[in-house]
Amino acid sequence: MGGIGKTQIALKFTEETIKQYTHIFWVDATDKETISASLKGISSIPEAKNDAVAENVESVLNWIGSL
């Protein structure tokens, strides 16, 4: 489904709702491996490090759910 404007829709949504959220995470959902890598990468942001989030998918998802 390349080239139909998915990224532009996501960017527009982000622009219009940015004040409603404390964090916005971009996750590459190309396949399972990129999803996992993107989520694990979130564990390295300062806020996650401050909360001692482990570098695994489950910990990151639990942390995101607690925000």
Protein backbone atom coordinates (compact mmCIF):
# COMPACT_ATOMS: atom_id res chain seq x y z
CA MET A 1 0.00 0.00 0.00
CA GLY A 2 2.90 2.32 -0.65
CA GLY A 3 2.30 5.85 -1.82
CA ILE A 4 -1.25 6.34 -0.57
CA GLY A 5 -0.44 8.91 2.12
CA LYS A 6 -0.32 6.87 5.35
CA THR A 7 2.63 8.83 6.70
CA GLN A 8 0.99 12.16 5.84
CA ILE A 9 -2.18 11.12 7.68
CA ALA A 10 -0.13 10.13 10.74
CA LEU A 11 1.78 13.42 10.65
CA LYS A 12 -1.42 15.45 10.32
CA PHE A 13 -2.98 13.57 13.25
CA THR A 14 0.15 14.26 15.31
CA GLU A 15 0.07 17.97 14.46
CA GLU A 16 -3.59 18.30 15.41
CA THR A 17 -3.46 16.32 18.66
CA ILE A 18 0.05 17.03 19.96
CA LYS A 19 -1.23 18.90 23.04
CA GLN A 20 -3.31 15.88 24.11
CA TYR A 21 -0.36 13.50 24.53
CA THR A 22 2.84 13.55 26.56
CA HIS A 23 4.74 11.25 24.19
CA ILE A 24 4.58 10.28 20.53
CA PHE A 25 6.43 7.16 19.43
CA TRP A 26 7.17 6.17 15.84
CA VAL A 27 7.35 2.40 15.37
CA ASP A 28 8.54 0.84 12.12
CA ALA A 29 5.92 -1.84 11.48
CA THR A 30 7.50 -3.28 8.33
CA ASP A 31 7.69 -6.71 9.97
CA LYS A 32 7.93 -8.36 13.40
CA GLU A 33 11.65 -7.71 13.67
CA THR A 34 11.39 -3.97 12.97
CA ILE A 35 8.48 -3.63 15.39
CA SER A 36 10.52 -5.35 18.08
CA ALA A 37 13.61 -3.25 17.33
CA SER A 38 11.59 -0.01 17.38
CA LEU A 39 9.98 -0.88 20.71
CA LYS A 40 13.30 -1.91 22.24
CA GLY A 41 14.76 1.38 21.02
CA ILE A 42 12.14 3.28 23.01
CA SER A 43 13.71 1.88 26.19
CA SER A 44 16.74 4.10 25.53
CA ILE A 45 14.92 7.44 25.70
CA PRO A 46 15.68 9.42 28.87
CA GLU A 47 12.21 9.06 30.41
CA ALA A 48 12.27 5.28 29.98
CA LYS A 49 15.79 5.09 31.40
CA ASN A 50 14.68 7.14 34.42
CA ASP A 51 11.89 4.62 34.98
CA ALA A 52 14.36 1.70 34.59
CA VAL A 53 12.51 0.20 31.62
CA ALA A 54 14.21 -3.02 30.49
CA GLU A 55 15.22 -3.37 26.85
CA ASN A 56 12.52 -5.88 25.93
CA VAL A 57 9.19 -5.53 24.17
CA GLU A 58 7.04 -6.45 27.16
CA SER A 59 8.68 -3.92 29.48
CA VAL A 60 8.42 -1.15 26.90
CA LEU A 61 4.74 -1.88 26.18
CA ASN A 62 3.97 -1.96 29.91
CA TRP A 63 5.74 1.36 30.37
CA ILE A 64 3.90 2.95 27.42
CA GLY A 65 0.62 1.68 28.86
CA SER A 66 1.42 3.34 32.19
CA LEU A 67 2.00 6.80 30.69
